[in-house]
N, C-alpha and C. Protein backbone atom coordinates (compact mmCIF):
# COMPACT_ATOMS: atom_id res chain seq x y z
N MET A 1 5.30 120.42 1.75
CA MET A 1 4.65 120.18 3.15
C MET A 1 3.36 121.38 3.66
N VAL A 2 3.96 122.42 3.06
CA VAL A 2 2.83 123.72 3.18
C VAL A 2 1.77 123.84 2.69
N GLY A 3 0.12 124.04 4.18
CA GLY A 3 -0.51 123.34 4.01
C GLY A 3 -0.55 122.41 4.03
N LEU A 4 -0.20 121.20 4.90
CA LEU A 4 -0.41 120.45 5.11
C LEU A 4 -2.68 119.84 5.73
N LYS A 5 -3.00 118.57 5.19
CA LYS A 5 -4.06 119.19 5.57
C LYS A 5 -4.29 117.39 5.74
N PHE A 6 -5.58 117.24 6.83
CA PHE A 6 -6.32 115.65 6.94
C PHE A 6 -5.68 114.26 5.74
N GLU A 7 -6.72 115.07 4.64
CA GLU A 7 -6.75 114.20 3.38
C GLU A 7 -5.46 113.83 3.28
N ASP A 8 -3.81 114.64 3.53
CA ASP A 8 -2.55 113.85 3.39
C ASP A 8 -2.29 112.95 4.23
N LEU A 9 -2.63 113.14 5.12
CA LEU A 9 -2.05 111.87 6.43
C LEU A 9 -2.80 110.21 6.03
N LYS A 10 -4.05 111.20 4.91
CA LYS A 10 -4.64 108.91 4.82
C LYS A 10 -3.74 108.45 3.45
N SER A 11 -2.49 109.22 3.28
CA SER A 11 -1.84 108.73 2.05
C SER A 11 -0.93 108.49 3.01
N TRP A 12 -0.26 106.36 2.97
CA TRP A 12 1.53 106.30 3.28
C TRP A 12 2.30 106.69 3.25
N LYS A 13 2.30 107.75 2.23
CA LYS A 13 3.47 108.16 1.46
C LYS A 13 4.29 109.67 2.29
N ARG A 14 2.91 110.15 2.25
CA ARG A 14 2.58 111.59 2.51
C ARG A 14 2.71 111.61 4.09
N LEU A 15 2.35 110.02 4.87
CA LEU A 15 2.49 110.40 6.69
C LEU A 15 4.00 109.82 6.61
N ALA A 16 4.65 109.12 6.54
CA ALA A 16 6.24 108.75 5.35
C ALA A 16 7.31 109.94 5.60
N CYS A 17 6.68 111.13 4.98
CA CYS A 17 7.64 112.19 5.06
C CYS A 17 6.63 112.96 6.51
N VAL A 18 6.16 113.63 6.38
CA VAL A 18 5.12 113.43 7.70
C VAL A 18 6.19 113.11 9.27
N PHE A 19 6.28 112.01 8.95
CA PHE A 19 7.40 111.25 10.44
C PHE A 19 9.09 111.36 9.54
N ALA A 20 9.13 111.98 8.72
CA ALA A 20 10.85 112.19 8.04
C ALA A 20 10.97 113.96 8.82
N VAL A 21 10.09 114.57 9.05
CA VAL A 21 10.02 115.78 8.77
C VAL A 21 10.48 115.54 10.03
N PHE A 22 9.23 115.49 11.22
CA PHE A 22 8.79 115.40 12.58
C PHE A 22 10.92 114.81 13.22
N GLY A 23 10.89 113.54 12.70
CA GLY A 23 11.72 113.20 13.40
C GLY A 23 13.50 114.25 13.40
N GLY A 24 13.46 114.89 12.12
CA GLY A 24 14.72 115.95 11.79
C GLY A 24 14.95 116.84 12.24
N VAL A 25 13.26 117.64 13.29
CA VAL A 25 13.07 118.32 13.91
C VAL A 25 13.30 118.55 15.25
N GLN A 26 12.27 117.02 15.99
CA GLN A 26 12.34 116.95 17.24
C GLN A 26 13.50 116.44 17.78
N PHE A 27 14.56 116.19 16.44
CA PHE A 27 15.75 115.74 16.89
C PHE A 27 16.62 116.76 16.96
N ILE A 28 16.27 117.71 16.58
CA ILE A 28 17.10 119.60 16.83
C ILE A 28 16.91 119.63 18.32
N ILE A 29 15.43 119.90 18.32
CA ILE A 29 15.42 120.78 19.30
C ILE A 29 14.94 120.12 20.80
N LEU A 30 14.80 118.93 21.10
CA LEU A 30 15.20 118.08 22.24
C LEU A 30 16.83 118.66 22.22
N THR A 31 17.66 118.23 21.21
CA THR A 31 19.08 118.13 21.35
C THR A 31 19.30 120.38 21.61
N PHE A 32 18.59 120.93 21.28
CA PHE A 32 18.93 121.92 21.88
C PHE A 32 19.35 122.78 23.46
N ILE A 33 17.75 121.67 23.72
CA ILE A 33 17.08 121.69 25.08
C ILE A 33 18.27 121.30 26.43
N ALA A 34 18.87 120.59 26.27
CA ALA A 34 19.50 119.51 26.13
C ALA A 34 20.93 120.10 26.13
N MET A 35 20.87 120.70 25.32
CA MET A 35 22.88 121.63 25.46
C MET A 35 22.11 122.58 26.61
N ILE A 36 20.75 122.78 26.95
CA ILE A 36 20.53 124.65 27.91
C ILE A 36 20.85 123.74 28.92
N PHE A 37 20.80 122.21 29.18
CA PHE A 37 20.79 122.16 31.32
C PHE A 37 21.61 121.21 31.36
N TYR A 38 22.64 121.00 30.09
CA TYR A 38 24.35 120.39 30.14
C TYR A 38 24.59 120.61 31.46
N PRO A 39 25.27 120.32 32.66
CA PRO A 39 25.58 121.08 33.68
C PRO A 39 26.20 122.00 33.40
N ASP A 40 27.05 121.31 33.23
CA ASP A 40 29.06 122.17 33.22
C ASP A 40 28.72 122.73 31.81
N GLY A 41 27.48 123.35 31.47
CA GLY A 41 27.60 124.65 30.84
C GLY A 41 28.48 123.89 28.81
N TYR A 42 27.06 124.13 27.56
CA TYR A 42 27.38 123.41 26.85
C TYR A 42 28.28 124.35 25.34
N SER A 43 29.59 123.41 25.51
CA SER A 43 30.45 124.31 24.11
C SER A 43 30.34 123.23 23.45
N PHE A 44 29.52 124.29 22.05
CA PHE A 44 29.05 123.93 20.66
C PHE A 44 30.63 123.68 20.08
N ALA A 45 31.36 123.81 19.94
CA ALA A 45 32.55 124.30 19.65
C ALA A 45 33.79 123.54 20.50
N ASN A 46 33.26 122.30 21.73
CA ASN A 46 34.45 121.83 22.39
C ASN A 46 33.54 120.79 22.67
N ASN A 47 32.32 120.45 23.43
CA ASN A 47 31.54 119.35 23.09
C ASN A 47 31.04 118.62 22.08
N TYR A 48 31.13 117.33 21.99
CA TYR A 48 30.58 116.49 21.16
C TYR A 48 28.82 115.93 21.10
N LEU A 49 28.15 116.16 19.72
CA LEU A 49 26.52 115.38 20.70
C LEU A 49 26.31 114.48 21.55
N SER A 50 27.10 114.03 21.73
CA SER A 50 27.18 112.21 21.97
C SER A 50 27.78 112.30 23.51
N HIS A 51 28.22 114.01 24.07
CA HIS A 51 28.34 114.18 25.43
C HIS A 51 27.20 114.78 26.35
N LEU A 52 26.20 114.83 24.98
CA LEU A 52 24.53 114.97 25.61
C LEU A 52 24.13 113.72 26.37
N GLY A 53 24.72 112.42 25.94
CA GLY A 53 23.77 111.36 26.17
C GLY A 53 24.57 110.30 27.33
N THR A 54 26.23 110.95 27.60
CA THR A 54 26.50 110.71 29.01
C THR A 54 25.88 110.51 30.40
N THR A 55 25.91 109.94 30.91
CA THR A 55 25.17 109.85 32.13
C THR A 55 25.83 110.74 33.33
N LYS A 56 27.04 110.67 33.20
CA LYS A 56 27.60 112.20 33.18
C LYS A 56 28.75 112.92 32.67
N THR A 57 28.78 114.00 32.77
CA THR A 57 28.98 115.21 32.22
C THR A 57 30.84 114.74 32.23
N VAL A 58 31.49 115.45 31.13
CA VAL A 58 33.31 114.61 31.30
C VAL A 58 33.09 115.96 31.40
N GLU A 59 32.99 116.43 31.81
CA GLU A 59 33.87 117.98 32.36
C GLU A 59 33.91 118.08 34.49
N SER A 60 32.98 117.53 34.70
CA SER A 60 33.41 117.31 35.99
C SER A 60 32.40 115.75 36.83
N GLY A 61 32.00 115.81 35.86
CA GLY A 61 31.35 114.01 36.53
C GLY A 61 30.38 114.72 37.01
N ALA A 62 29.38 115.90 37.17
CA ALA A 62 28.32 116.05 37.10
C ALA A 62 27.44 114.95 36.31
N PRO A 63 25.95 114.92 37.75
CA PRO A 63 25.22 114.34 36.92
C PRO A 63 24.38 114.90 35.69
N ASN A 64 24.36 114.13 34.47
CA ASN A 64 23.54 114.37 33.59
C ASN A 64 22.12 113.95 33.41
N THR A 65 21.75 113.68 33.84
CA THR A 65 19.99 113.05 33.59
C THR A 65 19.48 113.91 32.38
N ILE A 66 18.82 114.95 32.29
CA ILE A 66 18.20 115.50 32.12
C ILE A 66 18.70 115.39 30.44
N PRO A 67 20.05 116.30 30.02
CA PRO A 67 20.07 116.57 28.98
C PRO A 67 19.96 114.45 27.85
N ARG A 68 20.75 113.41 29.23
CA ARG A 68 20.54 112.20 28.70
C ARG A 68 19.80 111.11 27.80
N VAL A 69 17.79 112.34 28.41
CA VAL A 69 16.84 111.04 28.60
C VAL A 69 16.55 111.89 27.38
N LEU A 70 17.08 113.03 27.60
CA LEU A 70 16.43 113.78 26.23
C LEU A 70 17.10 113.59 24.86
N PHE A 71 18.19 112.87 24.82
CA PHE A 71 19.10 112.67 23.94
C PHE A 71 18.69 111.42 23.52
N VAL A 72 18.69 110.28 24.53
CA VAL A 72 18.73 108.88 24.19
C VAL A 72 17.31 108.77 23.28
N ILE A 73 16.26 109.66 24.01
CA ILE A 73 14.37 110.14 23.35
C ILE A 73 14.53 110.56 21.75
N ALA A 74 15.46 111.75 22.05
CA ALA A 74 15.83 112.01 20.50
C ALA A 74 16.33 111.31 19.73
N CYS A 75 16.97 110.16 19.31
CA CYS A 75 18.13 109.76 18.90
C CYS A 75 17.26 108.36 18.42
N VAL A 76 16.45 108.03 19.49
CA VAL A 76 15.48 106.74 19.17
C VAL A 76 14.54 107.31 18.44
N VAL A 77 13.04 108.24 18.44
CA VAL A 77 12.41 109.00 17.98
C VAL A 77 13.25 109.25 16.29
N ALA A 78 14.22 109.32 16.09
CA ALA A 78 14.42 109.29 14.62
C ALA A 78 15.63 108.58 13.86
N GLY A 79 15.36 107.73 15.37
CA GLY A 79 16.44 106.31 14.16
C GLY A 79 14.57 104.71 13.27
N ALA A 80 13.73 105.17 14.55
CA ALA A 80 11.86 104.82 14.17
C ALA A 80 10.84 105.15 13.12
N VAL A 81 11.18 106.94 13.28
CA VAL A 81 10.64 107.23 12.20
C VAL A 81 11.16 107.34 10.86
N LEU A 82 13.08 107.53 10.68
CA LEU A 82 13.92 107.18 9.20
C LEU A 82 13.23 105.99 8.59
N VAL A 83 12.30 104.55 9.32
CA VAL A 83 12.10 103.85 8.46
C VAL A 83 11.07 103.62 6.75
N PRO A 84 10.78 103.97 7.43
CA PRO A 84 9.18 104.69 6.25
C PRO A 84 9.53 105.91 5.21
N PHE A 85 10.45 106.59 5.66
CA PHE A 85 11.07 107.51 4.65
C PHE A 85 12.28 106.60 3.57
N TRP A 86 12.73 105.84 4.48
CA TRP A 86 13.01 104.86 3.39
C TRP A 86 13.15 104.42 2.43
N VAL A 87 11.23 103.86 3.30
CA VAL A 87 10.55 103.30 2.61
C VAL A 87 10.39 103.73 1.24
N VAL A 88 9.47 104.90 1.92
CA VAL A 88 9.17 105.21 0.23
C VAL A 88 9.83 105.84 -0.78
N ILE A 89 10.70 106.83 -0.28
CA ILE A 89 12.04 106.84 -1.96
C ILE A 89 12.29 106.45 -2.29
N THR A 90 11.60 105.15 -2.35
CA THR A 90 12.49 104.51 -3.44
C THR A 90 11.51 104.54 -4.39
N THR A 91 9.98 104.89 -3.88
CA THR A 91 9.21 105.28 -5.02
C THR A 91 9.43 106.21 -5.93
N LEU A 92 9.90 107.16 -6.10
CA LEU A 92 11.14 107.90 -7.56
C LEU A 92 11.56 107.61 -8.48
N PHE A 93 12.18 105.96 -7.80
CA PHE A 93 13.49 105.84 -8.66
C PHE A 93 13.16 104.52 -9.13
N VAL A 94 11.77 104.47 -10.42
CA VAL A 94 11.06 103.33 -10.77
C VAL A 94 11.29 103.53 -12.77
N GLU A 95 12.06 104.23 -12.53
CA GLU A 95 12.33 104.75 -14.69
C GLU A 95 12.97 103.73 -15.13
N SER A 96 13.88 102.80 -14.23
CA SER A 96 14.04 101.80 -15.15
C SER A 96 14.99 100.93 -13.50
N SER A 97 14.50 99.27 -14.23
CA SER A 97 14.92 98.00 -13.25
C SER A 97 15.89 98.38 -12.54
N LEU A 98 17.33 99.78 -13.38
CA LEU A 98 18.33 99.51 -13.40
C LEU A 98 18.50 100.71 -11.54
N MET A 99 18.13 101.27 -11.95
CA MET A 99 17.58 102.94 -11.42
C MET A 99 16.47 102.05 -10.10
N LYS A 100 15.44 101.29 -9.81
CA LYS A 100 14.90 100.78 -9.09
C LYS A 100 15.15 100.10 -8.01
N TYR A 101 16.51 98.66 -8.96
CA TYR A 101 17.44 97.50 -7.23
C TYR A 101 18.26 99.28 -6.74
N ILE A 102 19.12 99.49 -7.68
CA ILE A 102 20.07 100.77 -6.81
C ILE A 102 18.83 101.57 -6.02
N SER A 103 18.25 101.53 -6.03
CA SER A 103 17.26 102.70 -5.04
C SER A 103 16.99 101.44 -4.43
N ILE A 104 16.65 100.49 -3.39
CA ILE A 104 16.05 99.67 -3.39
C ILE A 104 18.00 99.22 -1.80
N PHE A 105 18.82 98.89 -2.84
CA PHE A 105 19.55 98.82 -2.19
C PHE A 105 20.30 99.62 -1.54
N GLY A 106 19.79 101.05 -1.47
CA GLY A 106 20.35 102.49 -1.08
C GLY A 106 19.45 102.16 0.26
N SER A 107 17.99 102.20 -0.14
CA SER A 107 16.90 102.27 1.49
C SER A 107 17.04 100.58 2.22
N ILE A 108 18.04 99.49 2.08
CA ILE A 108 17.65 98.64 2.53
C ILE A 108 18.98 99.20 4.18
N LEU A 109 20.37 100.07 2.97
CA LEU A 109 21.55 100.49 4.29
C LEU A 109 20.98 101.23 5.52
N GLY A 110 19.66 102.25 4.07
CA GLY A 110 19.97 102.76 5.17
C GLY A 110 18.49 102.77 6.70
N VAL A 111 17.76 101.16 6.35
CA VAL A 111 17.19 100.94 7.22
C VAL A 111 17.67 100.13 8.38
N ILE A 112 19.01 99.94 7.92
CA ILE A 112 19.48 99.11 8.74
C ILE A 112 20.54 100.43 9.49
N SER A 113 20.75 101.22 8.64
CA SER A 113 21.66 102.03 9.63
C SER A 113 20.36 102.68 10.65
N SER A 114 19.40 102.61 10.67
CA SER A 114 18.26 103.03 12.17
C SER A 114 18.76 103.12 13.54
N PRO A 115 18.83 101.69 13.04
CA PRO A 115 18.71 100.71 14.82
C PRO A 115 20.13 101.22 15.82
N PHE A 116 20.88 102.07 14.38
CA PHE A 116 22.41 101.81 15.39
C PHE A 116 21.78 103.12 15.05
N LEU A 117 21.45 104.06 15.44
CA LEU A 117 21.09 105.28 15.42
C LEU A 117 20.79 105.82 16.71
N MET A 118 19.56 104.40 16.86
CA MET A 118 18.47 105.02 18.24
C MET A 118 19.81 103.85 19.65
N ALA A 119 20.27 102.90 19.19
CA ALA A 119 21.35 102.33 19.93
C ALA A 119 23.05 103.36 20.02
N LEU A 120 22.90 103.89 19.56
CA LEU A 120 24.19 105.04 20.16
C LEU A 120 23.56 106.48 20.53
N GLY A 121 21.81 106.68 21.50
CA GLY A 121 21.97 107.01 21.97
C GLY A 121 21.79 106.22 23.43
N ILE A 122 21.10 104.95 22.97
CA ILE A 122 21.16 103.92 24.32
C ILE A 122 22.47 103.66 25.05
N PHE A 123 23.50 103.76 24.17
CA PHE A 123 24.86 103.04 24.46
C PHE A 123 25.37 104.40 25.25
N ALA A 124 25.08 104.96 26.46
CA ALA A 124 26.39 106.16 27.05
C ALA A 124 28.12 106.35 26.33
N GLY A 125 28.47 107.55 25.86
CA GLY A 125 29.12 107.43 25.51
C GLY A 125 30.71 107.16 27.00
N ASP A 126 30.33 107.06 27.95
CA ASP A 126 31.58 107.13 29.13
C ASP A 126 31.05 105.89 29.84
N THR A 127 29.85 104.91 29.96
CA THR A 127 29.27 103.20 30.69
C THR A 127 30.22 102.33 29.84
N ASP A 128 29.24 102.52 28.78
CA ASP A 128 29.59 101.97 27.29
C ASP A 128 29.99 102.46 26.05
N ILE A 129 31.19 102.03 26.42
CA ILE A 129 32.12 103.22 25.57
C ILE A 129 32.29 102.93 23.87
N TYR A 130 33.37 101.60 24.12
CA TYR A 130 33.02 100.30 22.68
C TYR A 130 31.34 100.45 21.85
N LEU A 131 29.78 100.04 22.78
CA LEU A 131 28.87 100.38 22.60
C LEU A 131 28.31 101.54 21.15
N HIS A 132 28.76 102.31 22.27
CA HIS A 132 28.27 103.62 21.38
C HIS A 132 29.63 104.46 20.70
N SER A 133 30.36 104.34 20.14
CA SER A 133 31.33 103.69 19.56
C SER A 133 31.21 103.70 17.85
N ILE A 134 31.07 102.22 18.80
CA ILE A 134 31.10 100.82 16.72
C ILE A 134 29.73 101.51 16.15
N THR A 135 28.53 101.80 17.45
CA THR A 135 27.35 102.15 17.32
C THR A 135 27.58 103.41 16.09
N THR A 136 27.47 104.20 16.55
CA THR A 136 27.81 105.81 16.10
C THR A 136 28.20 105.46 14.65
N LYS A 137 30.19 104.46 14.96
CA LYS A 137 30.38 104.31 13.42
C LYS A 137 29.05 103.46 12.86
N LEU A 138 28.98 102.71 12.90
CA LEU A 138 28.65 101.95 11.80
C LEU A 138 26.75 102.46 10.86
N PHE A 139 26.28 103.58 11.63
CA PHE A 139 24.85 104.37 11.56
C PHE A 139 25.57 105.41 10.36
N PHE A 140 26.40 106.32 10.98
CA PHE A 140 27.86 106.60 10.69
C PHE A 140 27.56 106.32 9.31
N LEU A 141 29.04 105.44 8.33
CA LEU A 141 29.31 104.78 8.22
C LEU A 141 27.98 103.81 6.91
N LEU A 142 26.73 103.37 7.72
CA LEU A 142 25.87 102.97 6.87
C LEU A 142 24.65 104.32 5.84
N PHE A 143 24.75 105.28 6.40
CA PHE A 143 24.31 106.27 6.32
C PHE A 143 25.18 107.24 5.21
N ALA A 144 26.17 107.19 5.39
CA ALA A 144 26.89 107.72 4.44
C ALA A 144 26.87 106.94 2.86
N VAL A 145 26.77 105.96 2.57
CA VAL A 145 26.70 105.09 1.73
C VAL A 145 25.05 105.26 1.06
N ALA A 146 24.53 105.03 1.85
CA ALA A 146 22.87 106.05 1.16
C ALA A 146 22.81 106.50 1.16
N ILE A 147 23.51 107.26 1.27
CA ILE A 147 23.45 108.42 0.42
C ILE A 147 23.78 108.69 -0.95
N LEU A 148 25.75 108.40 -0.90
CA LEU A 148 26.23 108.04 -1.87
C LEU A 148 25.52 106.68 -2.93
N ILE A 149 24.55 105.87 -3.00
CA ILE A 149 24.57 105.02 -3.99
C ILE A 149 22.34 105.71 -4.17
N TYR A 150 22.35 106.97 -3.29
CA TYR A 150 21.44 107.15 -4.25
C TYR A 150 21.33 109.01 -5.29
N SER A 151 22.72 109.33 -4.90
CA SER A 151 23.17 110.06 -4.94
C SER A 151 23.37 109.73 -6.69
N ILE A 152 24.06 108.08 -7.47
CA ILE A 152 24.32 107.08 -7.96
C ILE A 152 22.67 107.08 -9.04
N ALA A 153 21.80 107.04 -7.60
CA ALA A 153 20.03 106.85 -8.45
C ALA A 153 19.89 108.15 -8.64
N ILE A 154 20.32 109.13 -8.26
CA ILE A 154 19.57 110.74 -8.33
C ILE A 154 20.04 110.78 -10.56
N LEU A 155 21.58 110.41 -10.58
CA LEU A 155 22.08 110.56 -11.73
C LEU A 155 21.19 110.07 -13.19
N LEU A 156 20.79 109.01 -12.48
CA LEU A 156 20.19 108.09 -13.44
C LEU A 156 18.20 109.12 -13.47
N ASN A 157 18.37 109.47 -12.81
CA ASN A 157 16.71 110.86 -13.29
C ASN A 157 16.44 111.15 -13.61
N SER A 158 15.99 111.35 -14.13
CA SER A 158 15.58 112.38 -15.38
C SER A 158 14.76 113.88 -14.77
N GLU A 159 14.05 113.05 -13.33
CA GLU A 159 13.55 114.00 -12.91
C GLU A 159 14.18 114.96 -11.50
N TYR A 160 15.83 114.66 -12.02
CA TYR A 160 16.61 115.59 -10.63
C TYR A 160 18.09 116.32 -11.63
N GLN A 161 18.12 117.25 -10.44
CA GLN A 161 18.94 117.77 -11.29
C GLN A 161 19.94 118.05 -10.63
N ASN A 162 21.70 117.32 -11.57
CA ASN A 162 22.28 117.15 -11.75
C ASN A 162 23.31 117.09 -9.75
N ILE A 163 22.65 118.00 -10.32
CA ILE A 163 23.68 119.40 -8.63
C ILE A 163 23.55 118.50 -7.53
N TYR A 164 21.84 118.12 -7.05
CA TYR A 164 21.47 116.76 -6.15
C TYR A 164 22.28 116.11 -6.36
N SER A 165 22.74 115.04 -7.05
CA SER A 165 24.40 113.79 -6.92
C SER A 165 25.07 113.84 -6.44
N ILE A 166 25.45 115.56 -7.10
CA ILE A 166 26.76 116.25 -7.16
C ILE A 166 27.31 116.14 -5.53
N VAL A 167 25.63 116.82 -4.94
CA VAL A 167 26.44 117.11 -3.51
C VAL A 167 26.08 116.34 -2.75
N GLY A 168 25.48 115.26 -2.95
CA GLY A 168 25.31 113.91 -2.36
C GLY A 168 26.68 112.84 -2.74
N ILE A 169 26.99 113.12 -3.29
CA ILE A 169 28.58 112.49 -3.47
C ILE A 169 29.23 112.71 -2.58
N ALA A 170 29.67 115.00 -2.57
CA ALA A 170 31.09 115.09 -1.62
C ALA A 170 30.52 114.90 -0.71
N PHE A 171 29.69 115.54 -0.12
CA PHE A 171 28.81 114.62 1.51
C PHE A 171 28.64 113.68 1.54
N SER A 172 28.33 112.39 0.74
CA SER A 172 29.25 111.14 0.99
C SER A 172 31.27 111.36 1.86
N ILE A 173 31.55 111.52 0.69
CA ILE A 173 33.03 111.53 0.57
C ILE A 173 33.55 111.67 1.77
N ILE A 174 32.78 112.99 2.31
CA ILE A 174 33.20 113.84 2.94
C ILE A 174 33.02 113.16 4.70
N ILE A 175 32.03 112.71 5.09
CA ILE A 175 31.94 111.50 6.43
C ILE A 175 32.31 110.47 6.51
N ILE A 176 33.42 109.88 5.25
CA ILE A 176 33.85 108.55 5.59
C ILE A 176 34.73 108.97 5.46
N LEU A 177 35.15 109.66 5.13
CA LEU A 177 36.82 110.31 5.56
C LEU A 177 36.82 111.20 6.86
N TYR A 178 35.74 111.38 7.59
CA TYR A 178 35.59 111.84 8.81
C TYR A 178 35.43 110.53 9.94
N ILE A 179 35.16 109.57 9.76
CA ILE A 179 34.81 108.29 10.20
C ILE A 179 35.72 107.98 10.55
N PHE A 180 36.14 108.38 8.95
CA PHE A 180 38.36 106.95 9.69
C PHE A 180 39.34 108.04 9.19
N ARG A 181 39.08 108.99 10.36
CA ARG A 181 39.88 110.21 10.75
C ARG A 181 40.17 110.88 9.64
N TYR A 182 40.28 111.51 9.04
CA TYR A 182 40.68 112.15 8.43
C TYR A 182 41.20 113.84 8.48
N PHE A 183 39.95 113.51 9.43
CA PHE A 183 39.70 115.68 9.51
C PHE A 183 40.17 114.99 11.90
N ILE A 184 40.96 115.16 11.75
CA ILE A 184 41.84 115.53 13.20
C ILE A 184 41.83 117.01 14.27
N LEU A 185 41.57 118.40 13.00
CA LEU A 185 40.93 119.17 13.71
C LEU A 185 39.50 120.14 13.34
N PHE A 186 38.82 120.26 14.22
CA PHE A 186 37.54 121.18 14.11
C PHE A 186 36.79 120.00 13.75
N ARG A 187 37.29 118.36 14.87
CA ARG A 187 35.58 117.29 14.64
C ARG A 187 34.69 117.33 15.29
N VAL A 188 35.31 118.62 16.07
CA VAL A 188 33.14 118.26 16.80
C VAL A 188 32.31 119.29 15.71
N ILE A 189 32.83 119.96 15.42
CA ILE A 189 32.38 121.78 14.26
C ILE A 189 31.69 120.17 13.22
N MET A 190 32.38 119.48 12.70
CA MET A 190 32.88 118.69 11.62
C MET A 190 31.41 117.43 11.32
N GLN A 191 31.33 116.84 13.15
CA GLN A 191 30.36 116.16 13.36
C GLN A 191 29.18 116.98 13.26
N LYS A 192 28.89 118.78 13.96
CA LYS A 192 28.16 118.70 13.88
C LYS A 192 27.48 119.33 12.39
N ILE A 193 28.51 119.23 11.38
CA ILE A 193 27.76 119.94 10.24
C ILE A 193 27.56 118.37 9.73
N ILE A 194 27.69 117.21 10.11
CA ILE A 194 27.15 115.74 9.24
C ILE A 194 26.56 115.56 9.68
N VAL A 195 25.98 115.87 11.02
CA VAL A 195 24.45 115.21 11.93
C VAL A 195 23.36 115.95 11.18
N TYR A 196 23.48 117.23 11.32
CA TYR A 196 22.94 117.97 10.49
C TYR A 196 22.77 118.48 9.15
N GLY A 197 23.47 118.02 8.59
CA GLY A 197 23.57 117.82 7.33
C GLY A 197 22.52 116.46 7.09
N PHE A 198 22.77 115.70 7.68
CA PHE A 198 21.81 113.86 7.33
C PHE A 198 20.67 114.65 7.71
N ILE A 199 19.89 115.01 8.95
CA ILE A 199 18.44 116.12 8.77
C ILE A 199 17.95 116.62 7.57
N LEU A 200 18.76 117.51 6.93
CA LEU A 200 18.79 118.62 5.81
C LEU A 200 19.01 117.68 4.61
N TRP A 201 19.79 116.71 4.92
CA TRP A 201 19.55 115.75 3.19
C TRP A 201 17.96 114.49 3.30
N ALA A 202 17.69 114.90 4.13
CA ALA A 202 16.08 114.13 4.27
C ALA A 202 15.56 114.64 4.38
N LEU A 203 15.51 115.82 4.58
CA LEU A 203 14.33 117.15 4.83
C LEU A 203 14.19 117.14 2.76
N LEU A 204 15.40 117.36 2.13
CA LEU A 204 15.22 117.84 0.63
C LEU A 204 15.06 116.80 -0.24
N GLN A 205 14.85 115.33 0.59
CA GLN A 205 14.66 114.04 -0.09
C GLN A 205 12.56 114.40 0.31
N VAL A 206 12.54 114.30 1.14
CA VAL A 206 11.30 114.99 1.67
C VAL A 206 10.27 115.58 0.80
N THR A 207 10.92 117.20 0.02
CA THR A 207 10.12 118.32 0.05
C THR A 207 9.73 117.79 -2.04
N LYS A 208 11.03 116.21 -2.13
CA LYS A 208 10.82 115.73 -3.34
C LYS A 208 9.74 115.24 -3.66
N ILE A 209 9.72 114.32 -3.02
CA ILE A 209 8.53 112.70 -2.05
C ILE A 209 7.02 113.95 -1.86
N TRP A 210 7.16 114.65 -1.68
CA TRP A 210 5.49 115.41 -0.94
C TRP A 210 5.14 116.02 -2.50
N LYS A 211 6.33 116.13 -3.69
CA LYS A 211 5.46 116.87 -4.99
C LYS A 211 5.24 116.30 -6.14
N GLU A 212 6.28 114.86 -6.04
CA GLU A 212 6.17 113.79 -7.17
C GLU A 212 5.13 112.53 -6.92
N VAL A 213 5.40 112.66 -5.07
CA VAL A 213 4.64 110.82 -4.81
C VAL A 213 2.85 111.84 -5.19
N GLY A 214 2.42 112.18 -4.18
CA GLY A 214 1.59 113.05 -3.81
C GLY A 214 -0.07 111.31 -3.49
N PRO A 215 -0.69 111.61 -2.86
CA PRO A 215 -1.41 110.47 -2.20
C PRO A 215 -1.64 109.38 -2.81
């Protein structure tokens, strides 16, 4: 996407790539700013990302207005702009009917995960703990399974190196184990690795789409 031109934005495929990149970047920037404004001092090793979206801080109960607003915006925007990404990525997997159907199934799960990403930001972890918890788990699970399915499609795609598939499968398994609480220690750090891993995975696919799909 280096050297982005206005003509690129006339292509819905490349526009979807731009949206996806914007979604990932704005999430990182807004959550980072939210950490700065977290009233009790945000600890990268001890505070979950969802603590940014609570109405009050988990430590002292101080009002958490600015971080919450930023966290909600970050989640809602990211969830919205991922939808066209899941649509356009299917255009890379058309070598065979099997590959096409696998990618479509993966994208369906990816699209379904987006509303849950928006919802986990909207439902605060302190006032709507059940809804926040269930939407978070569903987002993580659906996104992880979508990556797993796409990893299978990548194995069948001669345009991809197998390392993309291997990394994707390993990452998906780690996420699923995390969801079902097999990682007891370092869960806060693991959560951030997974979230930033989601963004990195999507950006890697965007790079491939940008090169292969064209206008």
